[in-house]
């Protein structure tokens, strides 16, 4: 019996290293074969084929389940084109399934298996490496994360959350642990107890407080075997570039690259701009506020609009100027920050905003607020009705990155801001999609009782 246990403990790490970037486990590309699908004739599409374990090749049998099969279905339906990272997500899926017991992913089985895992687990057993997907706007990063996340068993301890929402939750919890010697260690334990797999969408660090927290927090999370899956517009080395005290943030970048496979999505396609854009809810001009108000009245129907309030983080109340039938109405200047937005869309599915300005150096802070607002609305699949001084592209015409600043000599009042310059493309893309027929139809499907 002792020999069997010894063999199992040493054979398991050899077969499943957890590092799905390694070729020692199996030859990945010998498992997946290229095939064309229906009328799409997609040259990069690969189907997952289960192969029996073979003594000669050493290839182990893989399941037909996972994100790759769902990805194939969407290609066949014409929903996806070239350039998506489905294969690498399938590798992560296979690693997680193979190591679910040792990683304590299954919430129901974790307590029952705890005792048996102790003898099975050895120091040579490497935890599963996560994944950091980055690329341009609209290339399908969020879609791929959601596709991957929803293919995983429901009983697993997993969480999918927008990065801004995650950090707001972190700050709120830190307030509860004030006075403790190391509140981040306690917080790391709490988060890992809730979720071994943590999926963070739109990873972007622009705040010095967040930058200083992340390294220590994720050190505790990774020590507790948390697996991180993240999407971002920026490569890890570009995170918090030019930020205050960035030297203190650099260890986090090194840890991130060590614990996650970094993969760039190279697609030039912007799926969000491929929708049929319309102008039914986005009104351009300085004197169209009456049109927005009229449209708002149509959306609330027979309900009477009245001042309302919603609870946001740490028990604070946000005053809503007008609200009814799931619709809220705000002048742009009354909208504050991310904490308010997340609370707002727990109660309202439609937001009417009056007076979105052209952004530049004089209202840089307002530009950040608007970028965050659109991110939160998109995350919640909320509907936007607004009046603005320009089209989505025109709103950010004066906002540029440092590298692009040299090409804008003819443009007055340029706002040179790297973080905002990178984020603006995502905002323009999402605004385009949010005003499309497809997006509005999806919103109506989610809220069938709204006008």
Protein backbone atom coordinates (compact mmCIF):
# COMPACT_ATOMS: atom_id res chain seq x y z
CA UNK A 1 0.00 0.00 0.00
CA UNK A 2 2.85 2.39 0.86
CA UNK A 3 4.40 1.77 -2.56
CA UNK A 4 1.10 2.59 -4.27
CA UNK A 5 0.76 5.85 -2.33
CA UNK A 6 4.39 6.78 -3.09
CA UNK A 7 3.89 6.10 -6.79
CA UNK A 8 0.67 8.12 -6.92
CA UNK A 9 2.24 11.12 -5.20
CA UNK A 10 5.14 11.20 -7.65
CA UNK A 11 3.25 10.27 -10.80
CA UNK A 12 0.50 12.88 -10.45
CA UNK A 13 2.81 15.94 -10.52
CA UNK A 14 4.63 14.47 -13.50
CA UNK A 15 1.43 14.18 -15.51
CA UNK A 16 -0.26 17.39 -14.42
CA UNK A 17 2.27 20.13 -13.79
CA UNK A 18 -0.36 22.85 -13.62
CA UNK A 19 1.75 25.03 -15.96
CA UNK A 20 -0.23 24.72 -19.11
CA UNK A 21 2.45 26.59 -21.00
CA UNK A 22 4.72 23.56 -20.60
CA UNK A 23 5.07 20.89 -23.29
CA UNK A 24 5.96 18.22 -20.73
CA UNK A 25 2.35 17.42 -19.95
CA UNK A 26 1.16 16.66 -23.47
CA UNK A 27 1.53 17.92 -26.99
CA UNK A 28 -1.46 20.26 -27.10
CA UNK A 29 -1.54 20.77 -30.83
CA UNK A 30 -1.58 17.03 -31.44
CA UNK A 31 -4.87 16.91 -29.56
CA UNK A 32 -6.72 19.61 -31.51
CA UNK A 33 -7.20 19.39 -35.26
CA UNK A 34 -8.00 22.20 -37.67
CA UNK A 35 -11.38 22.02 -39.34
CA UNK A 36 -13.61 24.33 -41.34
CA UNK A 37 -17.11 24.91 -40.08
CA UNK A 38 -20.25 25.30 -42.20
CA UNK A 39 -20.27 28.41 -44.40
CA UNK A 40 -17.91 30.36 -42.13
CA UNK A 41 -14.79 28.65 -43.57
CA UNK A 42 -12.88 29.76 -40.50
CA UNK A 43 -9.21 28.73 -40.95
CA UNK A 44 -8.25 29.01 -37.27
CA UNK A 45 -11.12 27.08 -35.77
CA UNK A 46 -10.04 23.91 -33.99
CA UNK A 47 -12.25 21.19 -32.59
CA UNK A 48 -11.49 19.36 -29.37
CA UNK A 49 -11.10 15.64 -30.11
CA UNK A 50 -10.83 13.13 -27.27
CA UNK A 51 -7.80 10.91 -27.77
CA UNK A 52 -7.06 7.76 -25.84
CA UNK A 53 -3.93 7.58 -23.74
CA UNK A 54 -1.16 6.16 -25.86
CA UNK A 55 2.03 4.55 -24.56
CA UNK A 56 3.99 5.78 -27.56
CA UNK A 57 2.89 9.43 -27.75
CA UNK A 58 2.15 9.93 -24.06
CA UNK A 59 -0.97 11.95 -24.92
CA UNK A 60 -3.68 11.77 -22.26
CA UNK A 61 -7.40 11.68 -22.92
CA UNK A 62 -9.18 15.04 -22.88
CA UNK A 63 -12.83 15.81 -22.36
CA UNK A 64 -15.10 17.16 -25.07
CA UNK A 65 -16.36 19.70 -22.56
CA UNK A 66 -15.01 23.20 -22.16
CA UNK A 67 -14.80 26.60 -23.81
CA UNK A 68 -13.39 25.29 -27.09
CA UNK A 69 -16.58 23.44 -27.95
CA UNK A 70 -18.74 26.47 -27.13
CA UNK A 71 -16.36 28.63 -29.16
CA UNK A 72 -16.89 26.29 -32.10
CA UNK A 73 -20.64 26.55 -31.77
CA UNK A 74 -20.42 30.35 -31.93
CA UNK A 75 -18.24 30.24 -35.02
CA UNK A 76 -20.74 27.94 -36.68
CA UNK A 77 -23.46 30.43 -35.77
CA UNK A 78 -21.44 33.24 -37.35
CA UNK A 79 -20.93 35.06 -34.04
CA UNK A 80 -17.12 34.91 -34.02
CA UNK A 81 -14.34 35.44 -36.53
CA UNK A 82 -10.53 35.15 -36.45
CA UNK A 83 -8.13 35.99 -33.67
CA UNK A 84 -9.59 34.62 -30.43
CA UNK A 85 -7.62 32.72 -27.75
CA UNK A 86 -9.95 29.75 -27.32
CA UNK A 87 -7.19 27.15 -27.34
CA UNK A 88 -5.31 28.61 -24.40
CA UNK A 89 -8.56 28.90 -22.43
CA UNK A 90 -9.20 25.22 -23.17
CA UNK A 91 -5.79 24.39 -21.71
CA UNK A 92 -6.61 26.28 -18.53
CA UNK A 93 -10.00 24.55 -18.38
CA UNK A 94 -8.34 21.13 -18.68
CA UNK A 95 -5.79 21.99 -15.98
CA UNK A 96 -8.48 23.19 -13.59
CA UNK A 97 -10.64 20.10 -14.14
CA UNK A 98 -7.65 17.80 -13.65
CA UNK A 99 -6.59 19.54 -10.44
CA UNK A 100 -10.01 20.51 -9.03
CA UNK A 101 -9.62 18.27 -5.99
CA UNK A 102 -6.15 19.37 -4.98
CA UNK A 103 -7.00 23.01 -5.65
CA UNK A 104 -10.15 22.82 -3.48
CA UNK A 105 -12.25 24.31 -6.28
CA UNK A 106 -15.40 22.31 -5.57
CA UNK A 107 -17.19 23.99 -2.68
CA UNK A 108 -19.19 20.88 -1.76
CA UNK A 109 -16.36 18.40 -1.98
CA UNK A 110 -13.65 20.57 -0.42
CA UNK A 111 -14.54 19.84 3.20
CA UNK A 112 -15.01 16.10 2.56
CA UNK A 113 -11.73 15.78 0.70
CA UNK A 114 -9.66 17.99 2.99
CA UNK A 115 -8.26 15.09 5.00
CA UNK A 116 -7.48 12.90 2.01
CA UNK A 117 -5.85 15.75 0.07
CA UNK A 118 -3.22 16.27 2.75
CA UNK A 119 -1.39 13.03 1.96
CA UNK A 120 -1.97 13.44 -1.78
CA UNK A 121 -0.56 16.95 -1.87
CA UNK A 122 3.22 17.26 -2.04
CA UNK A 123 5.58 20.27 -2.31
CA UNK A 124 6.39 19.25 -5.89
CA UNK A 125 2.78 19.74 -6.91
CA UNK A 126 2.60 23.13 -8.67
CA UNK A 127 -0.65 25.12 -8.43
CA UNK A 128 -2.50 25.83 -11.66
CA UNK A 129 -1.21 28.94 -13.39
CA UNK A 130 -3.82 31.52 -14.29
CA UNK A 131 -4.23 33.55 -17.46
CA UNK A 132 -3.78 37.23 -18.31
CA UNK A 133 -5.44 38.12 -21.63
CA UNK A 134 -4.68 41.51 -23.12
CA UNK A 135 -5.30 43.24 -26.43
CA UNK A 136 -7.06 46.07 -28.20
CA UNK A 137 -10.64 47.14 -27.62
CA UNK A 138 -13.48 45.03 -28.94
CA UNK A 139 -11.30 41.99 -29.66
CA UNK A 140 -13.45 39.68 -27.57
CA UNK A 141 -11.55 39.51 -24.26
CA UNK A 142 -14.63 39.89 -22.06
CA UNK A 143 -16.63 37.55 -24.26
CA UNK A 144 -13.93 34.87 -24.00
CA UNK A 145 -13.73 35.23 -20.23
CA UNK A 146 -17.50 34.88 -19.90
CA UNK A 147 -17.51 31.91 -22.29
CA UNK A 148 -14.81 30.22 -20.18
CA UNK A 149 -16.42 31.10 -16.84
CA UNK A 150 -19.87 29.76 -17.71
CA UNK A 151 -18.45 26.44 -18.90
CA UNK A 152 -17.10 25.71 -15.40
CA UNK A 153 -19.12 23.68 -12.86
CA UNK A 154 -21.53 25.71 -10.78
CA UNK A 155 -20.36 24.06 -7.57
CA UNK A 156 -16.87 25.48 -7.93
CA UNK A 157 -15.67 28.32 -5.74
CA UNK A 158 -15.37 30.89 -8.50
CA UNK A 159 -16.15 34.56 -8.98
CA UNK A 160 -16.32 36.76 -12.06
CA UNK A 161 -16.25 40.51 -11.35
CA UNK A 162 -15.22 43.79 -12.96
CA UNK A 163 -11.83 44.97 -11.64
CA UNK A 164 -13.22 48.33 -10.48
CA UNK A 165 -15.96 46.58 -8.52
CA UNK A 166 -13.41 44.17 -7.04
CA UNK A 167 -11.21 47.03 -5.78
CA UNK A 168 -14.19 48.89 -4.32
CA UNK A 169 -15.05 45.73 -2.41
CA UNK A 170 -11.44 45.45 -1.23
CA UNK A 171 -11.43 49.01 0.13
CA UNK A 172 -14.79 48.48 1.85
CA UNK A 173 -13.52 45.32 3.56
CA UNK A 174 -10.32 47.02 4.63
CA UNK A 175 -12.42 49.58 6.50
CA UNK A 176 -13.95 46.73 8.51
CA UNK A 177 -10.51 45.43 9.48
CA UNK A 178 -9.02 48.74 10.59
CA UNK A 179 -6.70 48.37 13.55
CA UNK A 180 -5.63 44.83 12.64
CA UNK A 181 -1.88 44.23 12.28
CA UNK A 182 -2.14 42.99 8.67
CA UNK A 183 -5.66 43.53 7.30
CA UNK A 184 -4.58 42.42 3.81
CA UNK A 185 -3.65 38.98 5.13
CA UNK A 186 -7.11 38.60 6.66
CA UNK A 187 -8.70 39.90 3.45
CA UNK A 188 -6.65 37.47 1.35
CA UNK A 189 -7.93 34.62 3.52
CA UNK A 190 -11.54 35.79 3.19
CA UNK A 191 -11.40 36.14 -0.60
CA UNK A 192 -9.67 32.78 -1.10
CA UNK A 193 -12.22 31.06 1.13
CA UNK A 194 -14.97 32.43 -1.10
CA UNK A 195 -13.29 31.98 -4.50
CA UNK A 196 -10.31 29.88 -5.51
CA UNK A 197 -10.82 30.94 -9.14
CA UNK A 198 -10.96 34.73 -9.49
CA UNK A 199 -11.89 36.24 -12.88
CA UNK A 200 -11.26 40.00 -13.13
CA UNK A 201 -12.43 41.89 -16.22
CA UNK A 202 -10.83 45.16 -17.43
CA UNK A 203 -7.73 45.07 -15.24
CA UNK A 204 -6.43 48.66 -15.19
CA UNK A 205 -4.47 50.34 -12.40
CA UNK A 206 -4.61 54.15 -12.31
CA UNK A 207 -4.93 54.86 -8.58
CA UNK A 208 -1.89 54.98 -6.32
CA UNK A 209 -3.83 53.44 -3.41
CA UNK A 210 -4.79 50.44 -5.56
CA UNK A 211 -1.23 50.12 -6.84
CA UNK A 212 0.18 49.92 -3.31
CA UNK A 213 -2.44 47.37 -2.19
CA UNK A 214 -2.26 44.94 -5.11
CA UNK A 215 1.17 43.42 -4.53
CA UNK A 216 0.57 42.55 -0.87
CA UNK A 217 -3.01 41.42 -1.45
CA UNK A 218 -2.19 39.09 -4.32
CA UNK A 219 0.81 37.69 -2.49
CA UNK A 220 -1.64 36.45 0.14
CA UNK A 221 -4.14 35.28 -2.50
CA UNK A 222 -1.53 33.34 -4.47
CA UNK A 223 -0.17 31.82 -1.26
CA UNK A 224 -3.70 30.50 -0.74
CA UNK A 225 -3.62 28.93 -4.25
CA UNK A 226 -6.03 31.42 -5.85
CA UNK A 227 -6.03 31.14 -9.65
CA UNK A 228 -6.35 34.48 -11.44
CA UNK A 229 -7.89 34.99 -14.87
CA UNK A 230 -7.78 38.62 -16.01
CA UNK A 231 -8.47 40.69 -19.11
CA UNK A 232 -6.87 44.04 -19.85
CA UNK A 233 -6.12 46.50 -22.63
CA UNK A 234 -2.51 46.63 -21.43
CA UNK A 235 0.35 44.17 -21.20
CA UNK A 236 1.50 43.54 -17.61
CA UNK A 237 4.67 45.60 -18.08
CA UNK A 238 2.53 48.58 -19.14
CA UNK A 239 0.28 48.52 -16.06
CA UNK A 240 0.38 51.71 -13.97
CA UNK A 241 3.00 53.11 -16.36
CA UNK A 242 4.14 56.55 -15.20
CA UNK A 243 2.20 56.24 -11.93
CA UNK A 244 3.31 57.63 -8.57
CA UNK A 245 5.66 55.33 -6.64
CA UNK A 246 5.57 52.80 -9.48
CA UNK A 247 8.75 51.16 -8.18
CA UNK A 248 6.65 49.77 -5.31
CA UNK A 249 4.21 48.33 -7.86
CA UNK A 250 6.84 46.52 -9.97
CA UNK A 251 7.02 43.42 -7.71
CA UNK A 252 3.33 42.83 -8.42
CA UNK A 253 4.01 42.79 -12.18
CA UNK A 254 6.74 40.17 -11.65
CA UNK A 255 4.41 38.06 -9.49
CA UNK A 256 1.60 38.41 -12.04
CA UNK A 257 3.81 37.12 -14.87
CA UNK A 258 5.04 34.27 -12.71
CA UNK A 259 1.57 33.09 -11.68
CA UNK A 260 -0.27 33.74 -14.96
CA UNK A 261 0.31 32.82 -18.57
CA UNK A 262 0.32 36.14 -20.43
CA UNK A 263 -1.38 36.02 -23.82
CA UNK A 264 -2.03 38.81 -26.30
CA UNK A 265 -5.13 38.71 -28.47
CA UNK A 266 -3.88 40.01 -31.78
CA UNK A 267 -7.18 40.40 -33.57
CA UNK A 268 -7.69 43.71 -35.34
CA UNK A 269 -11.44 43.22 -35.38
CA UNK A 270 -13.71 45.23 -33.10
CA UNK A 271 -16.78 43.06 -32.62
CA UNK A 272 -18.69 45.87 -30.97
CA UNK A 273 -18.42 48.11 -34.02
CA UNK A 274 -19.74 45.33 -36.26
CA UNK A 275 -23.24 45.83 -34.87
CA UNK A 276 -25.85 47.89 -36.68
CA UNK A 277 -25.30 51.25 -34.99
CA UNK A 278 -28.28 53.59 -34.75
CA UNK A 279 -28.97 56.97 -33.11
CA UNK A 280 -32.15 56.23 -31.25
CA UNK A 281 -30.79 56.84 -27.74
CA UNK A 282 -27.73 59.04 -28.33
CA UNK A 283 -28.51 62.65 -29.21
CA UNK A 284 -25.79 65.07 -30.35
CA UNK A 285 -26.02 68.82 -29.76
CA UNK A 286 -25.99 71.40 -27.00
CA UNK A 287 -29.73 72.06 -27.16
CA UNK A 288 -31.27 68.58 -27.20
CA UNK A 289 -31.93 68.16 -23.48
CA UNK A 290 -35.68 68.54 -24.11
CA UNK A 291 -35.48 65.59 -26.53
CA UNK A 292 -33.79 63.43 -23.88
CA UNK A 293 -36.38 64.45 -21.29
CA UNK A 294 -39.20 63.57 -23.68
CA UNK A 295 -37.63 60.19 -24.45
CA UNK A 296 -37.22 59.56 -20.72
CA UNK A 297 -40.95 60.21 -20.19
CA UNK A 298 -41.71 57.68 -22.92
CA UNK A 299 -39.53 55.04 -21.25
CA UNK A 300 -41.17 55.35 -17.82
CA UNK A 301 -44.66 55.14 -19.38
CA UNK A 302 -47.47 55.81 -16.95
CA UNK A 303 -45.16 55.87 -13.94
CA UNK A 304 -44.51 59.20 -12.23
CA UNK A 305 -40.84 60.22 -12.00
CA UNK A 306 -39.77 61.38 -8.54
CA UNK A 307 -36.56 61.83 -6.53
CA UNK A 308 -35.18 58.51 -5.31
CA UNK A 309 -32.13 57.12 -3.56
CA UNK A 310 -29.97 54.00 -3.69
CA UNK A 311 -27.54 52.55 -1.18
CA UNK A 312 -23.91 52.41 -2.26
CA UNK A 313 -20.78 51.12 -0.52
CA UNK A 314 -20.31 51.47 3.24
CA UNK A 315 -23.97 52.38 3.78
CA UNK A 316 -23.84 55.71 1.96
CA UNK A 317 -26.93 56.91 0.06
CA UNK A 318 -26.88 58.23 -3.51
CA UNK A 319 -29.57 60.76 -4.32
CA UNK A 320 -31.24 60.16 -7.69
CA UNK A 321 -32.79 63.37 -9.14
CA UNK A 322 -35.57 61.45 -10.95
CA UNK A 323 -36.39 57.77 -11.09
CA UNK A 324 -39.27 55.53 -12.15
CA UNK A 325 -39.91 52.15 -13.80
CA UNK A 326 -36.23 51.13 -13.65
CA UNK A 327 -35.07 54.39 -15.28
CA UNK A 328 -32.94 57.08 -13.62
CA UNK A 329 -32.32 60.64 -14.84
CA UNK A 330 -29.15 62.64 -14.07
CA UNK A 331 -27.45 65.80 -15.25
CA UNK A 332 -23.90 64.75 -16.14
CA UNK A 333 -22.32 66.91 -13.40
CA UNK A 334 -24.30 65.03 -10.73
CA UNK A 335 -22.70 61.67 -11.55
CA UNK A 336 -19.82 60.96 -9.18
CA UNK A 337 -17.69 57.80 -9.18
CA UNK A 338 -17.50 54.03 -9.51
CA UNK A 339 -18.94 53.30 -6.06
CA UNK A 340 -22.10 55.21 -6.97
CA UNK A 341 -22.40 53.55 -10.37
CA UNK A 342 -22.33 49.99 -9.05
CA UNK A 343 -25.03 50.86 -6.52
CA UNK A 344 -27.09 52.69 -9.11
CA UNK A 345 -27.36 49.77 -11.53
CA UNK A 346 -28.43 47.34 -8.87
CA UNK A 347 -31.75 49.23 -8.90
CA UNK A 348 -31.97 50.83 -12.37
CA UNK A 349 -31.53 49.26 -15.79
CA UNK A 350 -31.69 52.50 -17.82
CA UNK A 351 -29.82 55.76 -17.29
CA UNK A 352 -30.69 59.08 -18.94
CA UNK A 353 -27.77 61.55 -18.82
CA UNK A 354 -28.01 65.17 -19.85
CA UNK A 355 -25.06 67.21 -21.12
CA UNK A 356 -22.05 64.94 -21.73
CA UNK A 357 -19.24 67.39 -22.67
CA UNK A 358 -16.28 67.25 -25.01
CA UNK A 359 -13.38 66.08 -22.85
CA UNK A 360 -10.02 67.83 -22.59
CA UNK A 361 -7.42 69.03 -20.06
CA UNK A 362 -9.96 71.19 -18.19
CA UNK A 363 -12.27 68.28 -17.38
CA UNK A 364 -9.89 65.31 -17.23
CA UNK A 365 -11.51 64.04 -14.00
CA UNK A 366 -14.94 64.12 -15.65
CA UNK A 367 -13.52 62.06 -18.53
CA UNK A 368 -12.36 59.38 -16.09
CA UNK A 369 -15.80 59.36 -14.48
CA UNK A 370 -17.48 58.90 -17.85
CA UNK A 371 -15.13 56.07 -18.85
CA UNK A 372 -15.92 54.27 -15.58
CA UNK A 373 -19.64 54.91 -16.01
CA UNK A 374 -19.68 53.27 -19.45
CA UNK A 375 -17.63 50.33 -18.15
CA UNK A 376 -20.09 49.72 -15.31
CA UNK A 377 -23.11 50.12 -17.58
CA UNK A 378 -21.66 47.70 -20.11
CA UNK A 379 -20.86 45.23 -17.35
CA UNK A 380 -24.49 45.38 -16.18
CA UNK A 381 -25.90 45.43 -19.74
CA UNK A 382 -27.68 48.69 -18.86
CA UNK A 383 -29.25 51.04 -21.41
CA UNK A 384 -27.96 54.59 -21.96
CA UNK A 385 -30.05 57.55 -23.08
CA UNK A 386 -28.01 60.73 -23.33
CA UNK A 387 -27.41 64.11 -24.89
CA UNK A 388 -23.79 64.94 -25.75
CA UNK A 389 -21.81 67.73 -27.35
CA UNK A 390 -20.37 65.35 -29.92
CA UNK A 391 -20.30 61.81 -31.25
CA UNK A 392 -18.45 59.17 -29.17
CA UNK A 393 -15.33 59.77 -31.27
CA UNK A 394 -15.60 63.56 -30.93
CA UNK A 395 -15.98 63.39 -27.14
CA UNK A 396 -12.43 62.06 -26.82
CA UNK A 397 -10.76 63.71 -29.80
CA UNK A 398 -8.57 65.88 -27.53
CA UNK A 399 -7.49 62.98 -25.30
CA UNK A 400 -4.24 61.36 -26.47
CA UNK A 401 -1.49 59.10 -25.18
CA UNK A 402 2.08 60.36 -24.77
CA UNK A 403 3.17 58.52 -27.92
CA UNK A 404 0.37 60.10 -29.95
CA UNK A 405 0.87 63.64 -28.61
CA UNK A 406 3.45 64.48 -31.29
CA UNK A 407 0.86 63.94 -34.06
CA UNK A 408 -1.71 66.40 -32.63
CA UNK A 409 0.07 69.71 -33.17
CA UNK A 410 -2.89 71.23 -34.96
CA UNK A 411 -5.28 70.40 -32.12
CA UNK A 412 -5.65 72.95 -29.32
CA UNK A 413 -6.09 72.07 -25.62
CA UNK A 414 -4.84 68.51 -25.91
CA UNK A 415 -5.17 66.30 -22.82
CA UNK A 416 -2.07 64.07 -22.72
CA UNK A 417 -2.91 61.15 -20.45
CA UNK A 418 -1.70 57.60 -21.09
CA UNK A 419 -4.32 55.79 -18.99
CA UNK A 420 -7.18 57.85 -20.38
CA UNK A 421 -5.76 57.63 -23.88
CA UNK A 422 -5.81 53.85 -23.74
CA UNK A 423 -9.24 53.70 -22.09
CA UNK A 424 -10.95 56.04 -24.57
CA UNK A 425 -10.92 53.50 -27.40
CA UNK A 426 -12.76 51.01 -25.21
CA UNK A 427 -15.33 53.66 -24.26
CA UNK A 428 -15.92 54.71 -27.88
CA UNK A 429 -16.33 51.08 -28.88
CA UNK A 430 -18.75 50.30 -26.07
CA UNK A 431 -20.80 53.44 -26.70
CA UNK A 432 -21.13 52.34 -30.31
CA UNK A 433 -22.39 48.92 -29.32
CA UNK A 434 -24.68 50.20 -26.57
CA UNK A 435 -26.53 52.26 -29.17
CA UNK A 436 -26.90 49.37 -31.61
CA UNK A 437 -30.09 47.52 -32.41
CA UNK A 438 -28.61 44.23 -31.17
CA UNK A 439 -27.67 45.65 -27.77
CA UNK A 440 -31.05 47.31 -27.27
CA UNK A 441 -32.84 44.10 -28.24
CA UNK A 442 -30.75 42.20 -25.72
CA UNK A 443 -31.63 44.77 -23.05
CA UNK A 444 -35.33 44.35 -23.83
CA UNK A 445 -34.95 40.57 -23.56
CA UNK A 446 -33.39 40.99 -20.09
CA UNK A 447 -36.11 43.50 -19.05
CA UNK A 448 -39.22 42.52 -21.01
CA UNK A 449 -41.50 44.82 -18.97
CA UNK A 450 -39.60 48.00 -19.84
CA UNK A 451 -40.54 50.30 -22.72
